[in-house]
Amino acid sequence: MTHGLDTSFLLAVEIVEHAHHAEALRLLGELLARGDRVAIAPQVLTEFVHVVTDERRFQQPFSMETALNKSERWWNAAEADQVLPTDVAIALFHTWMRRHQLGRKRVLDTLLAATYHAAEVTSLLTLNAADFTVFDELACVLLPALRRVLNLIDVSASCGLKRTRRCRLQVNRRPVDAPLHCVICHRFTRLKLRRLFPQAISRCL
């Protein structure tokens, strides 16, 4: 199976100080060990170079030469398939932007999703699942830590009562209200977090 690389996952693999560095590296190793491959689009590499050289983001940013060397290594890696935006991908990009009524902040993610889909890549390695769940054509592969958070929150056992405590979820730094549990019997209601960032931080109000 081939998994498309998102910049967020590539950053976690390459940046030692990244909170999910060890898990991302382990997951990538497991996938490659079983014979899977990765696909990489040029826009991922350009964003990668832009981010890892930013001294405001990291205590020890890469030099431009180091960033370019790593970018070239990924582009030419034996286990990586080079995927370019085609006419089909560009057309799909415009279609999805209109269909899902996406704004300017979703342009790059939409083009990346369209690029992979046009290349028949249906799996995506990303730490930002919420940016891609609108595209049913892609399945996001989550790190174990992020899956555990999702499983803890996304539990199923509705009591049918309407009185529910509200829980403030912070998703990509944006507050979102969602029912957490019934204030009478304390049984959990199902949270529909499939479209939310799986690393949501919850705080009962």
C-alpha atoms as a PDB file:
ATOM      1  CA  MET A   1       0.000   0.000   0.000  1.00  0.00           C
ATOM      2  CA  THR A   2       1.144   3.538  -0.717  1.00  0.00           C
ATOM      3  CA  HIS A   3       0.658   6.323   1.829  1.00  0.00           C
ATOM      4  CA  GLY A   4       0.781   9.985   0.863  1.00  0.00           C
ATOM      5  CA  LEU A   5       2.973  12.163   3.060  1.00  0.00           C
ATOM      6  CA  ASP A   6       1.608  15.344   4.585  1.00  0.00           C
ATOM      7  CA  THR A   7       4.034  18.027   5.753  1.00  0.00           C
ATOM      8  CA  SER A   8       2.912  17.647   9.366  1.00  0.00           C
ATOM      9  CA  PHE A   9       3.994  14.002   9.408  1.00  0.00           C
ATOM     10  CA  LEU A  10       7.269  14.724   7.627  1.00  0.00           C
ATOM     11  CA  LEU A  11       8.059  17.399  10.210  1.00  0.00           C
ATOM     12  CA  ALA A  12       7.419  14.958  13.047  1.00  0.00           C
ATOM     13  CA  VAL A  13       9.779  12.440  11.450  1.00  0.00           C
ATOM     14  CA  GLU A  14      12.614  14.887  10.858  1.00  0.00           C
ATOM     15  CA  ILE A  15      12.405  17.264  13.842  1.00  0.00           C
ATOM     16  CA  VAL A  16      13.880  15.600  16.928  1.00  0.00           C
ATOM     17  CA  GLU A  17      12.288  18.143  19.282  1.00  0.00           C
ATOM     18  CA  HIS A  18       8.826  17.487  17.819  1.00  0.00           C
ATOM     19  CA  ALA A  19       6.391  16.101  20.399  1.00  0.00           C
ATOM     20  CA  HIS A  20       5.521  13.135  18.158  1.00  0.00           C
ATOM     21  CA  HIS A  21       8.975  12.491  16.695  1.00  0.00           C
ATOM     22  CA  ALA A  22       9.496   9.024  18.181  1.00  0.00           C
ATOM     23  CA  GLU A  23       6.007   7.788  17.307  1.00  0.00           C
ATOM     24  CA  ALA A  24       6.103   9.141  13.762  1.00  0.00           C
ATOM     25  CA  LEU A  25       9.496   7.554  13.169  1.00  0.00           C
ATOM     26  CA  ARG A  26       8.285   4.247  14.588  1.00  0.00           C
ATOM     27  CA  LEU A  27       5.095   4.231  12.501  1.00  0.00           C
ATOM     28  CA  LEU A  28       6.996   5.036   9.316  1.00  0.00           C
ATOM     29  CA  GLY A  29       9.470   2.248  10.042  1.00  0.00           C
ATOM     30  CA  GLU A  30       6.672  -0.254  10.630  1.00  0.00           C
ATOM     31  CA  LEU A  31       4.922   0.652   7.388  1.00  0.00           C
ATOM     32  CA  LEU A  32       8.097   0.410   5.313  1.00  0.00           C
ATOM     33  CA  ALA A  33       9.105  -2.850   7.010  1.00  0.00           C
ATOM     34  CA  ARG A  34       5.901  -4.515   5.848  1.00  0.00           C
ATOM     35  CA  GLY A  35       6.506  -3.432   2.267  1.00  0.00           C
ATOM     36  CA  ASP A  36       4.395  -0.274   2.100  1.00  0.00           C
ATOM     37  CA  ARG A  37       5.594   2.778   0.203  1.00  0.00           C
ATOM     38  CA  VAL A  38       5.175   6.522   0.601  1.00  0.00           C
ATOM     39  CA  ALA A  39       4.138   9.069  -2.001  1.00  0.00           C
ATOM     40  CA  ILE A  40       5.398  12.615  -1.859  1.00  0.00           C
ATOM     41  CA  ALA A  41       4.256  15.706  -3.719  1.00  0.00           C
ATOM     42  CA  PRO A  42       6.550  18.688  -4.395  1.00  0.00           C
ATOM     43  CA  GLN A  43       4.351  21.065  -2.428  1.00  0.00           C
ATOM     44  CA  VAL A  44       5.029  18.983   0.706  1.00  0.00           C
ATOM     45  CA  LEU A  45       8.761  19.506   0.275  1.00  0.00           C
ATOM     46  CA  THR A  46       8.468  23.243  -0.317  1.00  0.00           C
ATOM     47  CA  GLU A  47       6.375  23.654   2.829  1.00  0.00           C
ATOM     48  CA  PHE A  48       8.804  21.417   4.732  1.00  0.00           C
ATOM     49  CA  VAL A  49      11.790  23.582   3.749  1.00  0.00           C
ATOM     50  CA  HIS A  50       9.855  26.729   4.628  1.00  0.00           C
ATOM     51  CA  VAL A  51       8.912  25.477   8.097  1.00  0.00           C
ATOM     52  CA  VAL A  52      12.093  23.747   9.287  1.00  0.00           C
ATOM     53  CA  THR A  53      14.223  26.823   8.582  1.00  0.00           C
ATOM     54  CA  ASP A  54      11.961  29.109  10.628  1.00  0.00           C
ATOM     55  CA  GLU A  55      13.780  30.111  13.818  1.00  0.00           C
ATOM     56  CA  ARG A  56      10.507  31.286  15.363  1.00  0.00           C
ATOM     57  CA  ARG A  57       9.128  27.739  15.322  1.00  0.00           C
ATOM     58  CA  PHE A  58      12.075  25.734  16.602  1.00  0.00           C
ATOM     59  CA  GLN A  59      14.880  26.203  19.073  1.00  0.00           C
ATOM     60  CA  GLN A  60      17.276  24.606  16.598  1.00  0.00           C
ATOM     61  CA  PRO A  61      15.967  25.250  13.062  1.00  0.00           C
ATOM     62  CA  PHE A  62      17.685  23.660  10.095  1.00  0.00           C
ATOM     63  CA  SER A  63      20.001  25.674   7.946  1.00  0.00           C
ATOM     64  CA  MET A  64      18.763  26.133   4.392  1.00  0.00           C
ATOM     65  CA  GLU A  65      21.418  23.725   3.109  1.00  0.00           C
ATOM     66  CA  THR A  66      20.393  21.045   5.613  1.00  0.00           C
ATOM     67  CA  ALA A  67      16.723  21.512   4.765  1.00  0.00           C
ATOM     68  CA  LEU A  68      17.420  21.234   1.029  1.00  0.00           C
ATOM     69  CA  ASN A  69      19.547  18.117   1.543  1.00  0.00           C
ATOM     70  CA  LYS A  70      16.749  16.436   3.481  1.00  0.00           C
ATOM     71  CA  SER A  71      14.220  17.529   0.892  1.00  0.00           C
ATOM     72  CA  GLU A  72      16.290  16.018  -1.914  1.00  0.00           C
ATOM     73  CA  ARG A  73      16.792  12.806   0.047  1.00  0.00           C
ATOM     74  CA  TRP A  74      13.048  12.366   0.465  1.00  0.00           C
ATOM     75  CA  TRP A  75      12.314  13.204  -3.163  1.00  0.00           C
ATOM     76  CA  ASN A  76      14.845  10.641  -4.410  1.00  0.00           C
ATOM     77  CA  ALA A  77      14.295   7.967  -1.747  1.00  0.00           C
ATOM     78  CA  ALA A  78      13.943   4.435  -3.075  1.00  0.00           C
ATOM     79  CA  GLU A  79      10.798   3.866  -0.996  1.00  0.00           C
ATOM     80  CA  ALA A  80       9.119   7.074  -2.196  1.00  0.00           C
ATOM     81  CA  ASP A  81       6.975   7.639  -5.282  1.00  0.00           C
ATOM     82  CA  GLN A  82       7.157  11.112  -6.779  1.00  0.00           C
ATOM     83  CA  VAL A  83       3.651  12.494  -7.359  1.00  0.00           C
ATOM     84  CA  LEU A  84       3.128  15.634  -9.424  1.00  0.00           C
ATOM     85  CA  PRO A  85      -0.046  17.734  -9.736  1.00  0.00           C
ATOM     86  CA  THR A  86      -1.603  16.748 -13.049  1.00  0.00           C
ATOM     87  CA  ASP A  87      -4.394  18.326 -15.092  1.00  0.00           C
ATOM     88  CA  VAL A  88      -6.752  15.877 -13.401  1.00  0.00           C
ATOM     89  CA  ALA A  89      -5.533  16.962  -9.965  1.00  0.00           C
ATOM     90  CA  ILE A  90      -5.935  20.661 -10.760  1.00  0.00           C
ATOM     91  CA  ALA A  91      -9.467  20.106 -12.053  1.00  0.00           C
ATOM     92  CA  LEU A  92     -10.305  18.081  -8.954  1.00  0.00           C
ATOM     93  CA  PHE A  93      -8.861  20.821  -6.755  1.00  0.00           C
ATOM     94  CA  HIS A  94     -11.272  23.379  -8.211  1.00  0.00           C
ATOM     95  CA  THR A  95     -14.180  20.931  -7.949  1.00  0.00           C
ATOM     96  CA  TRP A  96     -13.537  20.137  -4.294  1.00  0.00           C
ATOM     97  CA  MET A  97     -13.016  23.763  -3.302  1.00  0.00           C
ATOM     98  CA  ARG A  98     -16.457  24.596  -4.714  1.00  0.00           C
ATOM     99  CA  ARG A  99     -18.231  21.419  -3.603  1.00  0.00           C
ATOM    100  CA  HIS A 100     -17.106  21.681   0.022  1.00  0.00           C
ATOM    101  CA  GLN A 101     -17.243  25.499   0.067  1.00  0.00           C
ATOM    102  CA  LEU A 102     -13.691  25.751   1.361  1.00  0.00           C
ATOM    103  CA  GLY A 103     -11.932  29.012   2.108  1.00  0.00           C
ATOM    104  CA  ARG A 104      -8.481  30.392   1.421  1.00  0.00           C
ATOM    105  CA  LYS A 105      -6.877  28.562   4.338  1.00  0.00           C
ATOM    106  CA  ARG A 106      -7.821  25.216   2.831  1.00  0.00           C
ATOM    107  CA  VAL A 107      -6.242  25.783  -0.572  1.00  0.00           C
ATOM    108  CA  LEU A 108      -2.943  23.938  -0.003  1.00  0.00           C
ATOM    109  CA  ASP A 109      -4.512  20.957   1.758  1.00  0.00           C
ATOM    110  CA  THR A 110      -7.114  20.607  -0.974  1.00  0.00           C
ATOM    111  CA  LEU A 111      -4.507  20.660  -3.725  1.00  0.00           C
ATOM    112  CA  LEU A 112      -2.465  18.044  -1.853  1.00  0.00           C
ATOM    113  CA  ALA A 113      -5.497  15.796  -1.412  1.00  0.00           C
ATOM    114  CA  ALA A 114      -6.399  16.186  -5.084  1.00  0.00           C
ATOM    115  CA  THR A 115      -2.821  15.459  -6.141  1.00  0.00           C
ATOM    116  CA  TYR A 116      -2.718  12.198  -4.202  1.00  0.00           C
ATOM    117  CA  HIS A 117      -6.207  11.145  -5.241  1.00  0.00           C
ATOM    118  CA  ALA A 118      -5.390  11.702  -8.916  1.00  0.00           C
ATOM    119  CA  ALA A 119      -2.374   9.420  -8.434  1.00  0.00           C
ATOM    120  CA  GLU A 120      -4.640   6.761  -6.872  1.00  0.00           C
ATOM    121  CA  VAL A 121      -3.159   7.233  -3.407  1.00  0.00           C
ATOM    122  CA  THR A 122      -5.949   6.672  -0.883  1.00  0.00           C
ATOM    123  CA  SER A 123      -4.039   6.718   2.419  1.00  0.00           C
ATOM    124  CA  LEU A 124      -2.508   9.783   4.060  1.00  0.00           C
ATOM    125  CA  LEU A 125       0.102  10.077   6.812  1.00  0.00           C
ATOM    126  CA  THR A 126      -0.775  13.254   8.676  1.00  0.00           C
ATOM    127  CA  LEU A 127      -1.000  14.749  12.151  1.00  0.00           C
ATOM    128  CA  ASN A 128      -3.761  17.107  11.001  1.00  0.00           C
ATOM    129  CA  ALA A 129      -6.601  14.725  10.214  1.00  0.00           C
ATOM    130  CA  ALA A 130      -9.221  17.466  10.540  1.00  0.00           C
ATOM    131  CA  ASP A 131      -7.810  19.189   7.468  1.00  0.00           C
ATOM    132  CA  PHE A 132      -8.568  16.157   5.300  1.00  0.00           C
ATOM    133  CA  THR A 133     -11.636  14.411   6.733  1.00  0.00           C
ATOM    134  CA  VAL A 134     -13.895  16.379   4.389  1.00  0.00           C
ATOM    135  CA  PHE A 135     -12.364  14.324   1.577  1.00  0.00           C
ATOM    136  CA  ASP A 136     -13.967  10.886   1.809  1.00  0.00           C
ATOM    137  CA  GLU A 137     -11.549   9.645  -0.826  1.00  0.00           C
ATOM    138  CA  LEU A 138      -8.629   9.736   1.643  1.00  0.00           C
ATOM    139  CA  ALA A 139      -8.144   7.695   4.809  1.00  0.00           C
ATOM    140  CA  CYS A 140      -5.858   9.284   7.395  1.00  0.00           C
ATOM    141  CA  VAL A 141      -3.351   7.085   9.211  1.00  0.00           C
ATOM    142  CA  LEU A 142      -3.087   8.316  12.798  1.00  0.00           C
ATOM    143  CA  LEU A 143      -0.265   7.935  15.276  1.00  0.00           C
ATOM    144  CA  PRO A 144      -1.120   5.558  18.151  1.00  0.00           C
ATOM    145  CA  ALA A 145      -1.131   8.439  20.660  1.00  0.00           C
ATOM    146  CA  LEU A 146      -3.654  10.366  18.581  1.00  0.00           C
ATOM    147  CA  ARG A 147      -5.818   7.271  18.140  1.00  0.00           C
ATOM    148  CA  ARG A 148      -5.875   6.751  21.910  1.00  0.00           C
ATOM    149  CA  VAL A 149      -7.099  10.299  22.468  1.00  0.00           C
ATOM    150  CA  LEU A 150      -9.823   9.815  19.871  1.00  0.00           C
ATOM    151  CA  ASN A 151     -10.914   6.508  21.409  1.00  0.00           C
ATOM    152  CA  LEU A 152     -11.146   8.057  24.876  1.00  0.00           C
ATOM    153  CA  ILE A 153     -13.401  10.834  23.634  1.00  0.00           C
ATOM    154  CA  ASP A 154     -15.344   9.061  20.905  1.00  0.00           C
ATOM    155  CA  VAL A 155     -17.167   6.537  23.077  1.00  0.00           C
ATOM    156  CA  SER A 156     -20.617   5.182  22.313  1.00  0.00           C
ATOM    157  CA  ALA A 157     -23.306   4.728  24.986  1.00  0.00           C
ATOM    158  CA  SER A 158     -26.216   7.125  24.719  1.00  0.00           C
ATOM    159  CA  CYS A 159     -28.830   7.177  27.480  1.00  0.00           C
ATOM    160  CA  GLY A 160     -31.350   8.994  25.286  1.00  0.00           C
ATOM    161  CA  LEU A 161     -31.723  11.921  27.674  1.00  0.00           C
ATOM    162  CA  LYS A 162     -31.466  15.440  26.346  1.00  0.00           C
ATOM    163  CA  ARG A 163     -29.796  17.001  29.380  1.00  0.00           C
ATOM    164  CA  THR A 164     -26.120  16.821  28.621  1.00  0.00           C
ATOM    165  CA  ARG A 165     -23.117  18.580  30.030  1.00  0.00           C
ATOM    166  CA  ARG A 166     -21.304  20.624  27.452  1.00  0.00           C
ATOM    167  CA  CYS A 167     -17.635  20.144  26.838  1.00  0.00           C
ATOM    168  CA  ARG A 168     -15.428  22.714  25.244  1.00  0.00           C
ATOM    169  CA  LEU A 169     -13.141  21.126  22.688  1.00  0.00           C
ATOM    170  CA  GLN A 170     -10.189  23.059  21.433  1.00  0.00           C
ATOM    171  CA  VAL A 171      -9.610  21.958  17.865  1.00  0.00           C
ATOM    172  CA  ASN A 172      -6.694  23.495  16.024  1.00  0.00           C
ATOM    173  CA  ARG A 173      -6.913  26.372  18.541  1.00  0.00           C
ATOM    174  CA  ARG A 174     -10.593  26.909  17.713  1.00  0.00           C
ATOM    175  CA  PRO A 175     -13.192  26.285  20.456  1.00  0.00           C
ATOM    176  CA  VAL A 176     -15.943  23.829  19.542  1.00  0.00           C
ATOM    177  CA  ASP A 177     -18.899  22.858  21.751  1.00  0.00           C
ATOM    178  CA  ALA A 178     -19.891  19.197  21.861  1.00  0.00           C
ATOM    179  CA  PRO A 179     -22.022  17.069  24.227  1.00  0.00           C
ATOM    180  CA  LEU A 180     -19.855  15.079  26.608  1.00  0.00           C
ATOM    181  CA  HIS A 181     -22.158  13.189  28.962  1.00  0.00           C
ATOM    182  CA  CYS A 182     -25.590  13.256  30.557  1.00  0.00           C
ATOM    183  CA  VAL A 183     -25.609  15.227  33.820  1.00  0.00           C
ATOM    184  CA  ILE A 184     -28.216  12.848  35.285  1.00  0.00           C
ATOM    185  CA  CYS A 185     -26.812   9.379  34.720  1.00  0.00           C
ATOM    186  CA  HIS A 186     -23.317  10.367  33.562  1.00  0.00           C
ATOM    187  CA  ARG A 187     -23.448   7.953  30.649  1.00  0.00           C
ATOM    188  CA  PHE A 188     -21.539   9.160  27.636  1.00  0.00           C
ATOM    189  CA  THR A 189     -23.149  10.263  24.421  1.00  0.00           C
ATOM    190  CA  ARG A 190     -21.333   9.669  21.186  1.00  0.00           C
ATOM    191  CA  LEU A 191     -19.149  12.547  20.079  1.00  0.00           C
ATOM    192  CA  LYS A 192     -18.941  12.900  16.348  1.00  0.00           C
ATOM    193  CA  LEU A 193     -15.264  13.760  16.183  1.00  0.00           C
ATOM    194  CA  ARG A 194     -14.471  12.190  12.844  1.00  0.00           C
ATOM    195  CA  ARG A 195     -14.273  15.664  11.368  1.00  0.00           C
ATOM    196  CA  LEU A 196     -12.322  17.071  14.295  1.00  0.00           C
ATOM    197  CA  PHE A 197      -8.656  17.031  15.075  1.00  0.00           C
ATOM    198  CA  PRO A 198      -8.098  13.801  17.011  1.00  0.00           C
ATOM    199  CA  GLN A 199      -5.832  15.527  19.509  1.00  0.00           C
ATOM    200  CA  ALA A 200      -8.706  17.675  20.776  1.00  0.00           C
ATOM    201  CA  ILE A 201      -8.279  18.957  24.310  1.00  0.00           C
ATOM    202  CA  SER A 202     -11.479  18.724  26.311  1.00  0.00           C
ATOM    203  CA  ARG A 203     -12.544  20.805  29.282  1.00  0.00           C
ATOM    204  CA  CYS A 204     -15.947  20.416  30.938  1.00  0.00           C
ATOM    205  CA  LEU A 205     -17.856  23.657  31.346  1.00  0.00           C
END
